[in-house]
Structure formats: C-alpha cells, structure tokens
Amino acid sequence: MEWSRQGGAELLPVDRDLFRALLRRQAATVTVVTTVAPAAGGPAHPDGSGEPVRAGFTATSFTSVSLDPPLVSFCLGTASSSWPVFARAEHVAVHLLGAHQREAARVFATGGIDRFAAYPHWAPGPFGVPLLSGVLARLLCRVAHRVPAGDHTLFVAEPLALGGGEDGDPLIHHRGGYTTTGTPARA
C-alpha cells in the first residue's frame, strides 16, 4: 500500500491485536461508573426479589464532551455483565478514582462477582445510584443519549450534580496496569 511508508514511518494495516497494543500506550484516568435500574422489563435481581438492580464498572473512556450544555461521555461493551442494567438506567454516577483506589478499580473491573458486596465503600445516593466514598470527585448524571458504536455503546450524560472528594493524585491506567502521576505500579 502506498500509505504504508510515509515520511520514513511504517504504517501497518489495523488488526485487533495491533490496535489493542497501540491503545495500551495511551494513559487514561480511571473512573468507576455506577447505576441502578428497575428489574421490571429486564433481568430479575440475582436474588429473585424483583428489587432494583445495581451495576458498576471500571472505565477509562470517560471524557468531557461539552461545556454548554455540560455533557460527558463513557463507553460500555454490550457483552459486559453491566450492560443490561445500564441499558435501562436513567441516572449514573461517574467517580474519578484517586491513586489510593486501585482496589476499587480492580473490583469493578472483575466480572462474575457482586461488585458492591466486594467493595463495601459506597452508599445509595439520589435516585438510588450507588456513590463510592474516598474518590477525588463524582458526577451524578442523567443519561441523555446511547449511541451504538461497534461492540460498545457510547453514553452521553448530562451532569446534574457534582461533588469534590479527597485531594490527591489520580489513578491512571497505562500498559495494562494501574499507575499514578508519580512512580508506576502494577495492578
């Protein structure tokens, strides 16, 4: 291909493994996104009670979209165990994790567990949305749009309220592990 060697740099056709390797080089802040949705019209609560179902996941795709009006976005894979709840959710909370919160990031990135039992540092907030404690900051948002994007959905959310938390360095995801703005450390 004629574009494969431009300016002395080799460009390779994109495949899944090369794309993933490239994305590992991008440093991203780590967030945990949480929500709650009614069991009606979707899967029943795991305990069979029909109570609202909580869900949460670790995300590195969080970004601001617009200041006027205020909008943020994050992505979630449609194969994720959290997807059925987020597909019905009206409100979400985005938590910016601090360097001291590797455990929260690990728990909310682990599939097949009750993440809220494994990470007890949370309380129900407005609309029943779980709010994590000890975070650098949090946003309570209304889901404004869900945009299908390949094997993910892009969520665009409108912040309704924000809260500052503890001061400190952010938790960063880079090269498949967690680090900070200081010395790198593996998950």
N, C-alpha and C. Protein backbone atom coordinates (compact mmCIF):
# COMPACT_ATOMS: atom_id res chain seq x y z
N MET A 1 0.85 -1.18 0.00
CA MET A 1 0.00 0.00 0.00
C MET A 1 0.88 1.23 0.00
N GLU A 2 0.48 2.23 -0.75
CA GLU A 2 1.36 3.39 -0.88
C GLU A 2 1.42 4.24 0.39
N TRP A 3 0.43 4.19 1.27
CA TRP A 3 0.48 4.97 2.51
C TRP A 3 1.23 4.24 3.61
N SER A 4 1.68 3.00 3.38
CA SER A 4 2.33 2.23 4.44
C SER A 4 3.73 2.72 4.78
N ARG A 5 4.36 3.51 3.91
CA ARG A 5 5.68 4.08 4.21
C ARG A 5 5.70 5.55 3.84
N GLN A 6 5.31 6.38 4.76
CA GLN A 6 5.29 7.82 4.54
C GLN A 6 6.22 8.47 5.55
N GLY A 7 7.11 9.32 5.09
CA GLY A 7 7.99 10.05 6.00
C GLY A 7 8.90 9.15 6.80
N GLY A 8 9.23 7.97 6.30
CA GLY A 8 10.13 7.07 6.99
C GLY A 8 9.47 6.24 8.07
N ALA A 9 8.18 6.45 8.36
CA ALA A 9 7.48 5.69 9.39
C ALA A 9 6.65 4.60 8.73
N GLU A 10 6.73 3.40 9.28
CA GLU A 10 5.95 2.29 8.74
C GLU A 10 4.54 2.32 9.34
N LEU A 11 3.54 2.20 8.49
CA LEU A 11 2.16 2.09 8.92
C LEU A 11 1.66 0.71 8.53
N LEU A 12 1.05 0.01 9.47
CA LEU A 12 0.57 -1.34 9.24
C LEU A 12 -0.95 -1.35 9.18
N PRO A 13 -1.52 -2.28 8.43
CA PRO A 13 -2.99 -2.41 8.45
C PRO A 13 -3.46 -2.71 9.87
N VAL A 14 -4.60 -2.19 10.23
CA VAL A 14 -5.13 -2.37 11.58
C VAL A 14 -5.70 -3.77 11.72
N ASP A 15 -5.27 -4.46 12.77
CA ASP A 15 -5.93 -5.70 13.17
C ASP A 15 -6.16 -5.60 14.69
N ARG A 16 -6.95 -6.49 15.22
CA ARG A 16 -7.36 -6.43 16.63
C ARG A 16 -6.17 -6.36 17.58
N ASP A 17 -5.17 -7.22 17.38
CA ASP A 17 -4.03 -7.27 18.31
C ASP A 17 -3.17 -6.01 18.24
N LEU A 18 -2.91 -5.52 17.02
CA LEU A 18 -2.12 -4.29 16.89
C LEU A 18 -2.88 -3.09 17.45
N PHE A 19 -4.18 -3.05 17.23
CA PHE A 19 -5.00 -1.97 17.74
C PHE A 19 -4.98 -1.96 19.27
N ARG A 20 -5.15 -3.13 19.87
CA ARG A 20 -5.11 -3.25 21.33
C ARG A 20 -3.75 -2.83 21.88
N ALA A 21 -2.67 -3.26 21.23
CA ALA A 21 -1.32 -2.89 21.67
C ALA A 21 -1.11 -1.38 21.61
N LEU A 22 -1.61 -0.75 20.56
CA LEU A 22 -1.50 0.70 20.45
C LEU A 22 -2.28 1.39 21.58
N LEU A 23 -3.48 0.94 21.85
CA LEU A 23 -4.31 1.57 22.88
C LEU A 23 -3.70 1.43 24.27
N ARG A 24 -2.91 0.37 24.51
CA ARG A 24 -2.25 0.20 25.81
C ARG A 24 -1.23 1.31 26.07
N ARG A 25 -0.78 1.97 25.02
CA ARG A 25 0.20 3.04 25.18
C ARG A 25 -0.43 4.36 25.60
N GLN A 26 -1.74 4.46 25.50
CA GLN A 26 -2.43 5.69 25.89
C GLN A 26 -2.73 5.64 27.38
N ALA A 27 -2.26 6.62 28.10
CA ALA A 27 -2.58 6.74 29.53
C ALA A 27 -3.98 7.34 29.66
N ALA A 28 -4.76 6.80 30.59
CA ALA A 28 -6.13 7.29 30.79
C ALA A 28 -6.46 7.31 32.27
N THR A 29 -7.22 8.32 32.68
CA THR A 29 -7.67 8.35 34.06
C THR A 29 -8.68 7.22 34.27
N VAL A 30 -8.72 6.73 35.49
CA VAL A 30 -9.59 5.60 35.82
C VAL A 30 -10.82 6.12 36.56
N THR A 31 -11.97 5.70 36.10
CA THR A 31 -13.23 6.03 36.74
C THR A 31 -14.00 4.76 37.02
N VAL A 32 -14.92 4.83 37.94
CA VAL A 32 -15.92 3.79 38.14
C VAL A 32 -17.26 4.44 37.89
N VAL A 33 -18.06 3.83 37.03
CA VAL A 33 -19.40 4.33 36.71
C VAL A 33 -20.40 3.38 37.36
N THR A 34 -21.36 3.92 38.10
CA THR A 34 -22.36 3.11 38.79
C THR A 34 -23.76 3.55 38.40
N THR A 35 -24.70 2.63 38.58
CA THR A 35 -26.10 2.95 38.30
C THR A 35 -27.00 1.97 39.02
N VAL A 36 -28.29 2.22 38.92
CA VAL A 36 -29.32 1.32 39.41
C VAL A 36 -30.48 1.44 38.43
N ALA A 37 -31.14 0.33 38.19
CA ALA A 37 -32.29 0.34 37.27
C ALA A 37 -33.34 -0.62 37.81
N PRO A 38 -34.58 -0.37 37.48
CA PRO A 38 -35.65 -1.28 37.93
C PRO A 38 -35.50 -2.65 37.28
N ALA A 39 -35.88 -3.67 38.02
CA ALA A 39 -35.82 -5.03 37.49
C ALA A 39 -36.90 -5.26 36.45
N ALA A 40 -38.01 -4.54 36.54
CA ALA A 40 -39.12 -4.74 35.60
C ALA A 40 -38.67 -4.50 34.17
N GLY A 41 -39.09 -5.39 33.28
CA GLY A 41 -38.76 -5.26 31.87
C GLY A 41 -37.36 -5.72 31.54
N GLY A 42 -36.66 -6.24 32.49
CA GLY A 42 -35.30 -6.72 32.26
C GLY A 42 -35.03 -7.91 33.16
N PRO A 43 -33.77 -8.27 33.28
CA PRO A 43 -33.46 -9.43 34.11
C PRO A 43 -33.83 -9.16 35.57
N ALA A 44 -34.34 -10.18 36.24
CA ALA A 44 -34.69 -10.05 37.65
C ALA A 44 -33.41 -9.89 38.47
N HIS A 45 -33.58 -9.31 39.64
CA HIS A 45 -32.45 -9.19 40.57
C HIS A 45 -31.91 -10.59 40.82
N PRO A 46 -30.59 -10.72 40.96
CA PRO A 46 -30.00 -12.05 41.16
C PRO A 46 -30.61 -12.83 42.32
N ASP A 47 -31.12 -12.12 43.35
CA ASP A 47 -31.71 -12.85 44.47
C ASP A 47 -33.20 -13.17 44.24
N GLY A 48 -33.72 -12.82 43.05
CA GLY A 48 -35.11 -13.14 42.72
C GLY A 48 -36.13 -12.21 43.34
N SER A 49 -35.70 -11.14 44.01
CA SER A 49 -36.61 -10.27 44.75
C SER A 49 -37.37 -9.28 43.87
N GLY A 50 -36.92 -9.04 42.66
CA GLY A 50 -37.56 -8.04 41.82
C GLY A 50 -37.17 -6.63 42.21
N GLU A 51 -36.26 -6.48 43.17
CA GLU A 51 -35.77 -5.17 43.59
C GLU A 51 -34.92 -4.55 42.49
N PRO A 52 -34.71 -3.23 42.55
CA PRO A 52 -33.81 -2.59 41.57
C PRO A 52 -32.44 -3.26 41.58
N VAL A 53 -31.80 -3.24 40.44
CA VAL A 53 -30.52 -3.91 40.27
C VAL A 53 -29.42 -2.86 40.13
N ARG A 54 -28.36 -3.00 40.92
CA ARG A 54 -27.21 -2.11 40.83
C ARG A 54 -26.20 -2.68 39.85
N ALA A 55 -25.45 -1.81 39.23
CA ALA A 55 -24.35 -2.23 38.36
C ALA A 55 -23.28 -1.16 38.40
N GLY A 56 -22.05 -1.58 38.12
CA GLY A 56 -20.95 -0.64 38.05
C GLY A 56 -19.79 -1.27 37.32
N PHE A 57 -18.95 -0.45 36.75
CA PHE A 57 -17.79 -0.96 36.02
C PHE A 57 -16.67 0.06 36.03
N THR A 58 -15.47 -0.41 35.84
CA THR A 58 -14.29 0.44 35.72
C THR A 58 -14.20 0.91 34.28
N ALA A 59 -14.00 2.22 34.10
CA ALA A 59 -13.94 2.79 32.76
C ALA A 59 -12.73 3.70 32.63
N THR A 60 -12.10 3.63 31.47
CA THR A 60 -11.03 4.57 31.13
C THR A 60 -11.44 5.42 29.94
N SER A 61 -12.70 5.28 29.54
CA SER A 61 -13.20 6.00 28.37
C SER A 61 -13.94 7.29 28.73
N PHE A 62 -13.91 7.71 29.99
CA PHE A 62 -14.63 8.90 30.41
C PHE A 62 -13.98 10.16 29.84
N THR A 63 -14.80 11.07 29.33
CA THR A 63 -14.29 12.34 28.84
C THR A 63 -15.38 13.40 28.87
N SER A 64 -14.96 14.66 28.87
CA SER A 64 -15.93 15.74 28.74
C SER A 64 -16.29 15.87 27.26
N VAL A 65 -17.51 16.27 26.99
CA VAL A 65 -17.99 16.43 25.62
C VAL A 65 -18.28 17.89 25.33
N SER A 66 -18.95 18.56 26.27
CA SER A 66 -19.41 19.92 26.02
C SER A 66 -19.50 20.67 27.35
N LEU A 67 -19.19 21.97 27.30
CA LEU A 67 -19.38 22.82 28.48
C LEU A 67 -20.74 23.50 28.46
N ASP A 68 -21.30 23.71 27.26
CA ASP A 68 -22.58 24.40 27.14
C ASP A 68 -23.46 23.70 26.11
N PRO A 69 -24.33 22.81 26.51
CA PRO A 69 -24.62 22.43 27.88
C PRO A 69 -23.54 21.47 28.40
N PRO A 70 -23.42 21.32 29.71
CA PRO A 70 -22.45 20.36 30.25
C PRO A 70 -22.83 18.94 29.84
N LEU A 71 -21.90 18.24 29.21
CA LEU A 71 -22.10 16.84 28.82
C LEU A 71 -20.80 16.09 28.98
N VAL A 72 -20.90 14.82 29.38
CA VAL A 72 -19.76 13.93 29.48
C VAL A 72 -20.10 12.64 28.75
N SER A 73 -19.09 11.80 28.53
CA SER A 73 -19.35 10.52 27.87
C SER A 73 -18.48 9.42 28.46
N PHE A 74 -18.93 8.19 28.26
CA PHE A 74 -18.16 6.99 28.59
C PHE A 74 -18.69 5.87 27.70
N CYS A 75 -17.93 4.82 27.57
CA CYS A 75 -18.33 3.68 26.73
C CYS A 75 -18.44 2.42 27.58
N LEU A 76 -19.33 1.54 27.17
CA LEU A 76 -19.52 0.24 27.83
C LEU A 76 -19.75 -0.81 26.76
N GLY A 77 -19.04 -1.91 26.87
CA GLY A 77 -19.21 -3.03 25.94
C GLY A 77 -20.57 -3.68 26.11
N THR A 78 -21.20 -4.00 25.01
CA THR A 78 -22.54 -4.60 25.07
C THR A 78 -22.50 -6.05 25.55
N ALA A 79 -21.32 -6.65 25.61
CA ALA A 79 -21.19 -8.00 26.16
C ALA A 79 -20.92 -7.98 27.66
N SER A 80 -20.77 -6.79 28.23
CA SER A 80 -20.47 -6.65 29.66
C SER A 80 -21.64 -7.13 30.51
N SER A 81 -21.32 -7.70 31.67
CA SER A 81 -22.38 -8.12 32.60
C SER A 81 -23.16 -6.90 33.12
N SER A 82 -22.58 -5.71 33.05
CA SER A 82 -23.27 -4.49 33.49
C SER A 82 -24.21 -3.93 32.44
N TRP A 83 -24.04 -4.35 31.20
CA TRP A 83 -24.81 -3.77 30.10
C TRP A 83 -26.33 -3.81 30.30
N PRO A 84 -26.93 -4.94 30.71
CA PRO A 84 -28.40 -4.96 30.81
C PRO A 84 -28.95 -3.90 31.77
N VAL A 85 -28.22 -3.61 32.83
CA VAL A 85 -28.68 -2.60 33.79
C VAL A 85 -28.47 -1.20 33.20
N PHE A 86 -27.29 -0.94 32.64
CA PHE A 86 -27.02 0.37 32.05
C PHE A 86 -27.92 0.66 30.85
N ALA A 87 -28.37 -0.37 30.15
CA ALA A 87 -29.26 -0.19 29.01
C ALA A 87 -30.60 0.40 29.44
N ARG A 88 -31.00 0.19 30.71
CA ARG A 88 -32.27 0.68 31.23
C ARG A 88 -32.13 1.87 32.17
N ALA A 89 -30.91 2.18 32.56
CA ALA A 89 -30.68 3.19 33.60
C ALA A 89 -31.01 4.60 33.11
N GLU A 90 -31.56 5.39 33.99
CA GLU A 90 -31.84 6.80 33.70
C GLU A 90 -30.76 7.71 34.26
N HIS A 91 -30.10 7.27 35.34
CA HIS A 91 -29.09 8.09 36.01
C HIS A 91 -27.85 7.25 36.28
N VAL A 92 -26.70 7.90 36.27
CA VAL A 92 -25.42 7.24 36.55
C VAL A 92 -24.59 8.17 37.43
N ALA A 93 -23.61 7.58 38.09
CA ALA A 93 -22.62 8.36 38.81
C ALA A 93 -21.25 7.98 38.26
N VAL A 94 -20.45 8.99 37.96
CA VAL A 94 -19.08 8.78 37.49
C VAL A 94 -18.16 9.21 38.62
N HIS A 95 -17.28 8.29 39.04
CA HIS A 95 -16.36 8.52 40.15
C HIS A 95 -14.94 8.58 39.62
N LEU A 96 -14.25 9.70 39.84
CA LEU A 96 -12.85 9.83 39.45
C LEU A 96 -12.00 9.25 40.59
N LEU A 97 -11.29 8.16 40.30
CA LEU A 97 -10.55 7.46 41.35
C LEU A 97 -9.21 8.11 41.63
N GLY A 98 -8.82 8.06 42.91
CA GLY A 98 -7.52 8.54 43.34
C GLY A 98 -6.50 7.41 43.29
N ALA A 99 -5.24 7.78 43.39
CA ALA A 99 -4.14 6.82 43.32
C ALA A 99 -4.28 5.72 44.38
N HIS A 100 -4.92 6.02 45.48
CA HIS A 100 -5.08 5.06 46.58
C HIS A 100 -6.24 4.08 46.34
N GLN A 101 -6.92 4.15 45.19
CA GLN A 101 -8.12 3.35 44.97
C GLN A 101 -7.94 2.24 43.93
N ARG A 102 -6.77 1.64 43.88
CA ARG A 102 -6.55 0.51 42.96
C ARG A 102 -7.53 -0.63 43.22
N GLU A 103 -7.87 -0.86 44.49
CA GLU A 103 -8.79 -1.93 44.84
C GLU A 103 -10.18 -1.69 44.24
N ALA A 104 -10.66 -0.46 44.29
CA ALA A 104 -11.96 -0.15 43.68
C ALA A 104 -11.91 -0.42 42.18
N ALA A 105 -10.84 0.02 41.53
CA ALA A 105 -10.70 -0.21 40.09
C ALA A 105 -10.68 -1.70 39.78
N ARG A 106 -9.95 -2.48 40.58
CA ARG A 106 -9.85 -3.93 40.36
C ARG A 106 -11.20 -4.60 40.56
N VAL A 107 -11.89 -4.27 41.64
CA VAL A 107 -13.18 -4.91 41.93
C VAL A 107 -14.19 -4.62 40.83
N PHE A 108 -14.29 -3.37 40.41
CA PHE A 108 -15.30 -3.01 39.41
C PHE A 108 -14.91 -3.42 38.00
N ALA A 109 -13.68 -3.90 37.83
CA ALA A 109 -13.24 -4.46 36.54
C ALA A 109 -13.37 -5.99 36.52
N THR A 110 -13.73 -6.59 37.65
CA THR A 110 -13.83 -8.05 37.76
C THR A 110 -15.25 -8.50 37.43
N GLY A 111 -15.35 -9.45 36.51
CA GLY A 111 -16.65 -10.00 36.15
C GLY A 111 -17.04 -11.17 37.03
N GLY A 112 -18.32 -11.47 37.06
CA GLY A 112 -18.80 -12.66 37.75
C GLY A 112 -18.88 -12.53 39.26
N ILE A 113 -18.82 -11.31 39.80
CA ILE A 113 -18.92 -11.12 41.24
C ILE A 113 -19.95 -10.04 41.53
N ASP A 114 -20.41 -10.01 42.78
CA ASP A 114 -21.24 -8.89 43.23
C ASP A 114 -20.27 -7.79 43.63
N ARG A 115 -20.07 -6.84 42.76
CA ARG A 115 -19.06 -5.80 42.96
C ARG A 115 -19.37 -4.94 44.19
N PHE A 116 -20.64 -4.76 44.50
CA PHE A 116 -21.00 -3.91 45.63
C PHE A 116 -20.82 -4.64 46.96
N ALA A 117 -20.86 -5.96 46.95
CA ALA A 117 -20.52 -6.72 48.16
C ALA A 117 -19.01 -6.79 48.33
N ALA A 118 -18.29 -6.88 47.22
CA ALA A 118 -16.83 -6.98 47.26
C ALA A 118 -16.17 -5.64 47.59
N TYR A 119 -16.87 -4.54 47.32
CA TYR A 119 -16.33 -3.21 47.61
C TYR A 119 -17.38 -2.46 48.44
N PRO A 120 -17.27 -2.55 49.77
CA PRO A 120 -18.34 -2.01 50.63
C PRO A 120 -18.29 -0.50 50.87
N HIS A 121 -17.39 0.22 50.22
CA HIS A 121 -17.23 1.65 50.47
C HIS A 121 -18.13 2.48 49.56
N TRP A 122 -19.44 2.32 49.73
CA TRP A 122 -20.41 3.03 48.92
C TRP A 122 -21.69 3.20 49.74
N ALA A 123 -22.55 4.09 49.28
CA ALA A 123 -23.86 4.29 49.88
C ALA A 123 -24.82 4.70 48.77
N PRO A 124 -26.12 4.42 48.94
CA PRO A 124 -27.08 4.86 47.93
C PRO A 124 -27.20 6.39 47.93
N GLY A 125 -27.22 6.95 46.72
CA GLY A 125 -27.36 8.39 46.57
C GLY A 125 -28.69 8.74 45.94
N PRO A 126 -28.80 9.95 45.40
CA PRO A 126 -30.04 10.33 44.71
C PRO A 126 -30.41 9.31 43.62
N PHE A 127 -31.69 9.09 43.47
CA PHE A 127 -32.24 8.13 42.50
C PHE A 127 -31.81 6.70 42.81
N GLY A 128 -31.20 6.46 43.98
CA GLY A 128 -30.72 5.13 44.35
C GLY A 128 -29.39 4.77 43.75
N VAL A 129 -28.77 5.69 43.02
CA VAL A 129 -27.48 5.41 42.36
C VAL A 129 -26.39 5.24 43.42
N PRO A 130 -25.64 4.15 43.37
CA PRO A 130 -24.55 3.94 44.34
C PRO A 130 -23.46 5.00 44.18
N LEU A 131 -23.04 5.58 45.32
CA LEU A 131 -21.97 6.57 45.34
C LEU A 131 -20.80 6.01 46.13
N LEU A 132 -19.63 5.95 45.50
CA LEU A 132 -18.43 5.45 46.16
C LEU A 132 -17.83 6.54 47.04
N SER A 133 -17.23 6.13 48.14
CA SER A 133 -16.57 7.09 49.03
C SER A 133 -15.07 7.11 48.73
N GLY A 134 -14.42 8.17 49.20
CA GLY A 134 -12.97 8.28 49.06
C GLY A 134 -12.47 8.66 47.68
N VAL A 135 -13.35 9.07 46.79
CA VAL A 135 -12.97 9.41 45.41
C VAL A 135 -12.46 10.85 45.32
N LEU A 136 -11.76 11.16 44.23
CA LEU A 136 -11.30 12.53 44.01
C LEU A 136 -12.47 13.45 43.69
N ALA A 137 -13.44 12.94 42.93
CA ALA A 137 -14.63 13.71 42.56
C ALA A 137 -15.67 12.76 42.01
N ARG A 138 -16.92 13.24 41.97
CA ARG A 138 -18.00 12.43 41.39
C ARG A 138 -18.99 13.34 40.70
N LEU A 139 -19.61 12.78 39.68
CA LEU A 139 -20.69 13.46 38.96
C LEU A 139 -21.92 12.58 39.00
N LEU A 140 -23.05 13.15 39.36
CA LEU A 140 -24.32 12.47 39.22
C LEU A 140 -24.92 12.98 37.92
N CYS A 141 -25.28 12.07 37.03
CA CYS A 141 -25.70 12.45 35.67
C CYS A 141 -27.00 11.79 35.27
N ARG A 142 -27.68 12.43 34.33
CA ARG A 142 -28.84 11.86 33.64
C ARG A 142 -28.35 11.36 32.29
N VAL A 143 -28.70 10.13 31.94
CA VAL A 143 -28.32 9.61 30.63
C VAL A 143 -29.11 10.37 29.58
N ALA A 144 -28.40 11.02 28.66
CA ALA A 144 -29.05 11.82 27.61
C ALA A 144 -29.15 11.04 26.30
N HIS A 145 -28.10 10.28 25.97
CA HIS A 145 -28.08 9.54 24.70
C HIS A 145 -27.29 8.24 24.87
N ARG A 146 -27.73 7.24 24.13
CA ARG A 146 -26.98 5.99 23.98
C ARG A 146 -26.74 5.82 22.48
N VAL A 147 -25.47 5.74 22.09
CA VAL A 147 -25.13 5.66 20.67
C VAL A 147 -24.41 4.35 20.42
N PRO A 148 -25.01 3.42 19.64
CA PRO A 148 -24.31 2.19 19.31
C PRO A 148 -22.99 2.51 18.58
N ALA A 149 -21.92 1.84 18.99
CA ALA A 149 -20.60 2.06 18.38
C ALA A 149 -19.83 0.75 18.38
N GLY A 150 -19.99 -0.03 17.30
CA GLY A 150 -19.33 -1.32 17.23
C GLY A 150 -19.82 -2.24 18.32
N ASP A 151 -18.88 -2.84 19.08
CA ASP A 151 -19.27 -3.75 20.15
C ASP A 151 -19.48 -3.01 21.48
N HIS A 152 -19.56 -1.69 21.44
CA HIS A 152 -19.78 -0.86 22.62
C HIS A 152 -20.97 0.07 22.39
N THR A 153 -21.39 0.70 23.46
CA THR A 153 -22.34 1.80 23.38
C THR A 153 -21.69 3.02 24.00
N LEU A 154 -21.78 4.12 23.31
CA LEU A 154 -21.30 5.39 23.81
C LEU A 154 -22.45 6.04 24.57
N PHE A 155 -22.24 6.32 25.84
CA PHE A 155 -23.23 7.01 26.66
C PHE A 155 -22.85 8.48 26.72
N VAL A 156 -23.80 9.35 26.45
CA VAL A 156 -23.63 10.78 26.64
C VAL A 156 -24.55 11.13 27.80
N ALA A 157 -23.97 11.78 28.82
CA ALA A 157 -24.72 12.04 30.04
C ALA A 157 -24.62 13.51 30.44
N GLU A 158 -25.70 14.01 31.00
CA GLU A 158 -25.78 15.40 31.45
C GLU A 158 -25.55 15.45 32.96
N PRO A 159 -24.47 16.09 33.41
CA PRO A 159 -24.25 16.21 34.85
C PRO A 159 -25.36 17.03 35.52
N LEU A 160 -25.91 16.49 36.61
CA LEU A 160 -26.94 17.17 37.39
C LEU A 160 -26.35 17.76 38.66
N ALA A 161 -25.35 17.06 39.22
CA ALA A 161 -24.71 17.49 40.46
C ALA A 161 -23.30 16.95 40.46
N LEU A 162 -22.42 17.67 41.15
CA LEU A 162 -21.05 17.19 41.26
C LEU A 162 -20.60 17.33 42.69
N GLY A 163 -19.62 16.53 43.03
CA GLY A 163 -19.09 16.57 44.38
C GLY A 163 -17.60 16.36 44.36
N GLY A 164 -16.91 17.24 45.06
CA GLY A 164 -15.48 17.07 45.24
C GLY A 164 -15.27 16.04 46.34
N GLY A 165 -14.16 15.45 46.32
CA GLY A 165 -13.84 14.45 47.33
C GLY A 165 -12.50 14.76 47.94
N GLU A 166 -11.71 13.73 48.08
CA GLU A 166 -10.38 13.88 48.64
C GLU A 166 -9.44 14.49 47.60
N ASP A 167 -8.46 15.24 48.09
CA ASP A 167 -7.45 15.79 47.20
C ASP A 167 -6.36 14.73 47.03
N GLY A 168 -5.76 14.66 45.87
CA GLY A 168 -4.68 13.71 45.66
C GLY A 168 -4.44 13.45 44.19
N ASP A 169 -3.52 12.55 43.94
CA ASP A 169 -3.18 12.19 42.57
C ASP A 169 -4.23 11.24 41.99
N PRO A 170 -4.48 11.34 40.69
CA PRO A 170 -5.45 10.43 40.05
C PRO A 170 -4.85 9.05 39.83
N LEU A 171 -5.72 8.06 39.74
CA LEU A 171 -5.32 6.72 39.33
C LEU A 171 -5.32 6.72 37.81
N ILE A 172 -4.25 6.19 37.22
CA ILE A 172 -4.07 6.18 35.77
C ILE A 172 -3.96 4.73 35.30
N HIS A 173 -4.52 4.43 34.14
CA HIS A 173 -4.36 3.11 33.52
C HIS A 173 -3.43 3.28 32.33
N HIS A 174 -2.35 2.48 32.32
CA HIS A 174 -1.36 2.57 31.25
C HIS A 174 -0.64 1.24 31.13
N ARG A 175 -0.52 0.75 29.88
CA ARG A 175 0.16 -0.51 29.58
C ARG A 175 -0.40 -1.68 30.38
N GLY A 176 -1.70 -1.69 30.54
CA GLY A 176 -2.37 -2.83 31.16
C GLY A 176 -2.34 -2.83 32.67
N GLY A 177 -1.86 -1.76 33.30
CA GLY A 177 -1.81 -1.72 34.75
C GLY A 177 -2.19 -0.36 35.28
N TYR A 178 -2.28 -0.27 36.60
CA TYR A 178 -2.61 0.99 37.25
C TYR A 178 -1.34 1.66 37.72
N THR A 179 -1.30 2.98 37.57
CA THR A 179 -0.16 3.77 37.98
C THR A 179 -0.69 5.11 38.46
N THR A 180 0.21 6.01 38.81
CA THR A 180 -0.18 7.35 39.21
C THR A 180 0.67 8.33 38.43
N THR A 181 0.52 9.58 38.72
CA THR A 181 1.34 10.58 38.06
C THR A 181 2.76 10.54 38.61
N GLY A 182 2.99 9.72 39.64
CA GLY A 182 4.32 9.53 40.22
C GLY A 182 4.95 8.24 39.73
N THR A 183 5.33 7.37 40.65
CA THR A 183 6.03 6.12 40.33
C THR A 183 5.05 5.07 39.81
N PRO A 184 5.36 4.42 38.68
CA PRO A 184 4.47 3.36 38.15
C PRO A 184 4.36 2.19 39.11
N ALA A 185 3.17 1.63 39.17
CA ALA A 185 2.90 0.44 39.98
C ALA A 185 1.93 -0.44 39.23
N ARG A 186 2.12 -1.72 39.27
CA ARG A 186 1.23 -2.66 38.58
C ARG A 186 0.05 -3.04 39.44
N ALA A 187 -1.06 -3.36 38.78
CA ALA A 187 -2.29 -3.77 39.48
C ALA A 187 -2.09 -5.10 40.14
